[in-house]
N, C-alpha and C. Protein backbone atom coordinates (compact mmCIF):
# COMPACT_ATOMS: atom_id res chain seq x y z
N MET A 1 135.14 142.21 112.08
CA MET A 1 133.89 141.54 112.29
C MET A 1 133.21 142.11 113.53
N ASN A 2 131.91 142.29 113.42
CA ASN A 2 131.16 142.85 114.54
C ASN A 2 130.31 141.81 115.26
N GLY A 3 130.38 140.55 114.88
CA GLY A 3 129.63 139.50 115.54
C GLY A 3 128.19 139.35 115.10
N ALA A 4 127.78 140.10 114.09
CA ALA A 4 126.40 140.02 113.61
C ALA A 4 126.20 138.73 112.82
N ILE A 5 125.03 138.19 112.94
CA ILE A 5 124.67 136.98 112.20
C ILE A 5 123.53 137.34 111.25
N ALA A 6 123.73 137.02 109.99
CA ALA A 6 122.69 137.30 109.00
C ALA A 6 121.74 136.11 108.94
N ILE A 7 120.46 136.41 108.88
CA ILE A 7 119.43 135.39 108.75
C ILE A 7 118.65 135.68 107.49
N GLU A 8 118.48 134.65 106.69
CA GLU A 8 117.69 134.79 105.48
C GLU A 8 116.53 133.80 105.56
N TYR A 9 115.32 134.31 105.44
CA TYR A 9 114.14 133.46 105.43
C TYR A 9 113.84 133.06 104.00
N VAL A 10 113.70 131.76 103.81
CA VAL A 10 113.42 131.23 102.49
C VAL A 10 112.04 130.60 102.52
N THR A 11 111.19 131.01 101.62
CA THR A 11 109.86 130.42 101.51
C THR A 11 109.94 129.16 100.68
N VAL A 12 109.46 128.07 101.27
CA VAL A 12 109.46 126.79 100.56
C VAL A 12 108.01 126.44 100.29
N GLU A 13 107.68 126.23 99.05
CA GLU A 13 106.31 125.89 98.68
C GLU A 13 106.11 124.39 98.87
N ALA A 14 105.07 124.03 99.58
CA ALA A 14 104.70 122.63 99.77
C ALA A 14 103.21 122.51 99.47
N ASP A 15 102.87 121.52 98.68
CA ASP A 15 101.45 121.37 98.37
C ASP A 15 100.76 120.53 99.45
N LEU A 16 99.46 120.48 99.38
CA LEU A 16 98.66 119.80 100.39
C LEU A 16 99.03 118.32 100.50
N ASP A 17 99.31 117.68 99.37
CA ASP A 17 99.66 116.26 99.39
C ASP A 17 100.93 116.01 100.21
N GLU A 18 101.89 116.92 100.13
CA GLU A 18 103.12 116.78 100.90
C GLU A 18 102.83 116.90 102.40
N HIS A 19 101.96 117.82 102.76
CA HIS A 19 101.59 117.97 104.17
C HIS A 19 100.86 116.73 104.67
N VAL A 20 99.95 116.20 103.85
CA VAL A 20 99.20 115.00 104.24
C VAL A 20 100.16 113.84 104.43
N ARG A 21 101.10 113.65 103.51
CA ARG A 21 102.08 112.56 103.65
C ARG A 21 102.90 112.72 104.93
N ALA A 22 103.29 113.94 105.25
CA ALA A 22 104.07 114.18 106.46
C ALA A 22 103.26 113.81 107.70
N VAL A 23 101.98 114.15 107.72
CA VAL A 23 101.12 113.80 108.86
C VAL A 23 100.96 112.29 108.94
N LEU A 24 100.70 111.64 107.82
CA LEU A 24 100.49 110.19 107.81
C LEU A 24 101.73 109.41 108.20
N ASP A 25 102.90 110.00 108.02
CA ASP A 25 104.15 109.35 108.40
C ASP A 25 104.43 109.47 109.89
N SER A 26 103.64 110.23 110.60
CA SER A 26 103.88 110.46 112.02
C SER A 26 102.68 110.00 112.85
N PRO A 27 102.85 108.96 113.67
CA PRO A 27 101.74 108.53 114.53
C PRO A 27 101.25 109.65 115.45
N THR A 28 102.16 110.45 115.95
CA THR A 28 101.77 111.56 116.83
C THR A 28 100.91 112.57 116.08
N ALA A 29 101.32 112.92 114.87
CA ALA A 29 100.55 113.88 114.07
C ALA A 29 99.18 113.31 113.71
N CYS A 30 99.12 112.04 113.35
CA CYS A 30 97.83 111.40 113.04
C CYS A 30 96.91 111.44 114.24
N ARG A 31 97.43 111.09 115.40
CA ARG A 31 96.62 111.10 116.62
C ARG A 31 96.09 112.49 116.90
N ARG A 32 96.93 113.50 116.74
CA ARG A 32 96.50 114.87 117.00
C ARG A 32 95.40 115.31 116.05
N VAL A 33 95.53 114.95 114.78
CA VAL A 33 94.51 115.32 113.79
C VAL A 33 93.20 114.61 114.10
N LEU A 34 93.27 113.30 114.35
CA LEU A 34 92.06 112.55 114.66
C LEU A 34 91.38 113.07 115.92
N ARG A 35 92.16 113.38 116.94
CA ARG A 35 91.60 113.91 118.18
C ARG A 35 90.91 115.24 117.93
N ASP A 36 91.56 116.11 117.16
CA ASP A 36 90.98 117.43 116.90
C ASP A 36 89.69 117.32 116.09
N VAL A 37 89.67 116.45 115.10
CA VAL A 37 88.45 116.26 114.30
C VAL A 37 87.33 115.71 115.18
N ARG A 38 87.66 114.72 116.03
CA ARG A 38 86.65 114.17 116.94
C ARG A 38 86.10 115.24 117.87
N GLU A 39 86.99 116.05 118.44
CA GLU A 39 86.54 117.10 119.35
C GLU A 39 85.67 118.13 118.64
N ARG A 40 86.02 118.46 117.42
CA ARG A 40 85.21 119.41 116.65
C ARG A 40 83.84 118.82 116.33
N ALA A 41 83.82 117.53 115.99
CA ALA A 41 82.53 116.88 115.70
C ALA A 41 81.66 116.86 116.95
N GLU A 42 82.25 116.53 118.09
CA GLU A 42 81.50 116.49 119.35
C GLU A 42 80.97 117.86 119.74
N ALA A 43 81.71 118.91 119.36
CA ALA A 43 81.30 120.28 119.69
C ALA A 43 80.31 120.84 118.67
N GLY A 44 79.98 120.04 117.64
CA GLY A 44 79.03 120.50 116.63
C GLY A 44 79.63 121.48 115.63
N LEU A 45 80.95 121.48 115.51
CA LEU A 45 81.61 122.41 114.60
C LEU A 45 81.74 121.88 113.17
N LEU A 46 81.29 120.65 112.95
CA LEU A 46 81.39 120.07 111.61
C LEU A 46 80.01 119.88 110.99
N GLU A 47 79.14 120.81 111.25
CA GLU A 47 77.78 120.75 110.72
C GLU A 47 77.70 121.49 109.39
N GLY A 48 76.71 121.17 108.61
CA GLY A 48 76.46 121.88 107.36
C GLY A 48 77.07 121.18 106.16
N ALA A 49 76.68 121.64 105.00
CA ALA A 49 77.08 121.03 103.74
C ALA A 49 78.60 121.05 103.55
N ARG A 50 79.23 122.10 104.01
CA ARG A 50 80.68 122.23 103.83
C ARG A 50 81.43 121.06 104.46
N TRP A 51 80.92 120.54 105.57
CA TRP A 51 81.60 119.49 106.32
C TRP A 51 80.98 118.12 106.12
N SER A 52 80.02 117.98 105.24
CA SER A 52 79.31 116.70 105.10
C SER A 52 80.24 115.55 104.70
N SER A 53 81.21 115.81 103.84
CA SER A 53 82.11 114.72 103.44
C SER A 53 83.00 114.29 104.61
N VAL A 54 83.35 115.23 105.47
CA VAL A 54 84.14 114.89 106.66
C VAL A 54 83.28 114.05 107.60
N HIS A 55 82.04 114.46 107.78
CA HIS A 55 81.13 113.72 108.64
C HIS A 55 80.96 112.29 108.12
N SER A 56 80.86 112.13 106.81
CA SER A 56 80.72 110.79 106.21
C SER A 56 81.93 109.93 106.52
N GLU A 57 83.11 110.50 106.43
CA GLU A 57 84.33 109.73 106.73
C GLU A 57 84.40 109.36 108.20
N ILE A 58 83.96 110.25 109.07
CA ILE A 58 83.94 109.94 110.50
C ILE A 58 83.02 108.75 110.76
N GLU A 59 81.89 108.71 110.08
CA GLU A 59 80.94 107.61 110.25
C GLU A 59 81.56 106.27 109.86
N ARG A 60 82.48 106.27 108.92
CA ARG A 60 83.12 105.03 108.49
C ARG A 60 84.01 104.44 109.59
N PHE A 61 84.46 105.27 110.53
CA PHE A 61 85.28 104.79 111.64
C PHE A 61 84.45 104.04 112.68
N ARG A 62 83.20 104.37 112.78
CA ARG A 62 82.35 103.77 113.80
C ARG A 62 82.00 102.34 113.42
N PRO A 63 82.05 101.45 114.39
CA PRO A 63 81.71 100.06 114.07
C PRO A 63 80.25 99.93 113.67
N ARG A 64 80.01 99.11 112.70
CA ARG A 64 78.64 98.89 112.23
C ARG A 64 77.94 97.92 113.16
N ALA A 65 76.70 98.18 113.37
CA ALA A 65 75.90 97.28 114.20
C ALA A 65 75.69 95.99 113.42
N THR A 66 75.93 94.89 114.07
CA THR A 66 75.73 93.60 113.41
C THR A 66 74.39 93.04 113.86
N SER A 67 73.79 92.31 112.99
CA SER A 67 72.52 91.71 113.34
C SER A 67 72.77 90.57 114.33
N PRO A 68 71.87 90.38 115.26
CA PRO A 68 72.06 89.29 116.23
C PRO A 68 72.03 87.94 115.53
N MET A 69 72.77 87.04 116.08
CA MET A 69 72.83 85.70 115.49
C MET A 69 71.46 85.03 115.63
N ARG A 70 71.01 84.43 114.58
CA ARG A 70 69.72 83.76 114.60
C ARG A 70 69.95 82.25 114.58
N TRP A 71 69.25 81.60 115.45
CA TRP A 71 69.34 80.16 115.53
C TRP A 71 68.18 79.52 114.77
N ARG A 72 68.50 78.49 114.08
CA ARG A 72 67.47 77.75 113.36
C ARG A 72 67.40 76.34 113.90
N LEU A 73 66.21 75.87 114.12
CA LEU A 73 66.04 74.49 114.51
C LEU A 73 65.95 73.64 113.27
N ARG A 74 66.57 72.51 113.31
CA ARG A 74 66.52 71.60 112.16
C ARG A 74 65.71 70.39 112.48
């Protein structure tokens, strides 16, 4: 024996759904993704038709303005 160690790289195919599930199972990964998307939006990197669906989802996170309470006299 000469002390050599053999390494074999195996390609494992994972589809997008598997990656999404892995991210959603990790609070740290979710936070990192949300932070990166927010930073990209703030930097104007999510402009244009290609990113419009992402922009729409970001808008859903923002609290909706509520109408002021109206008082009625009886």
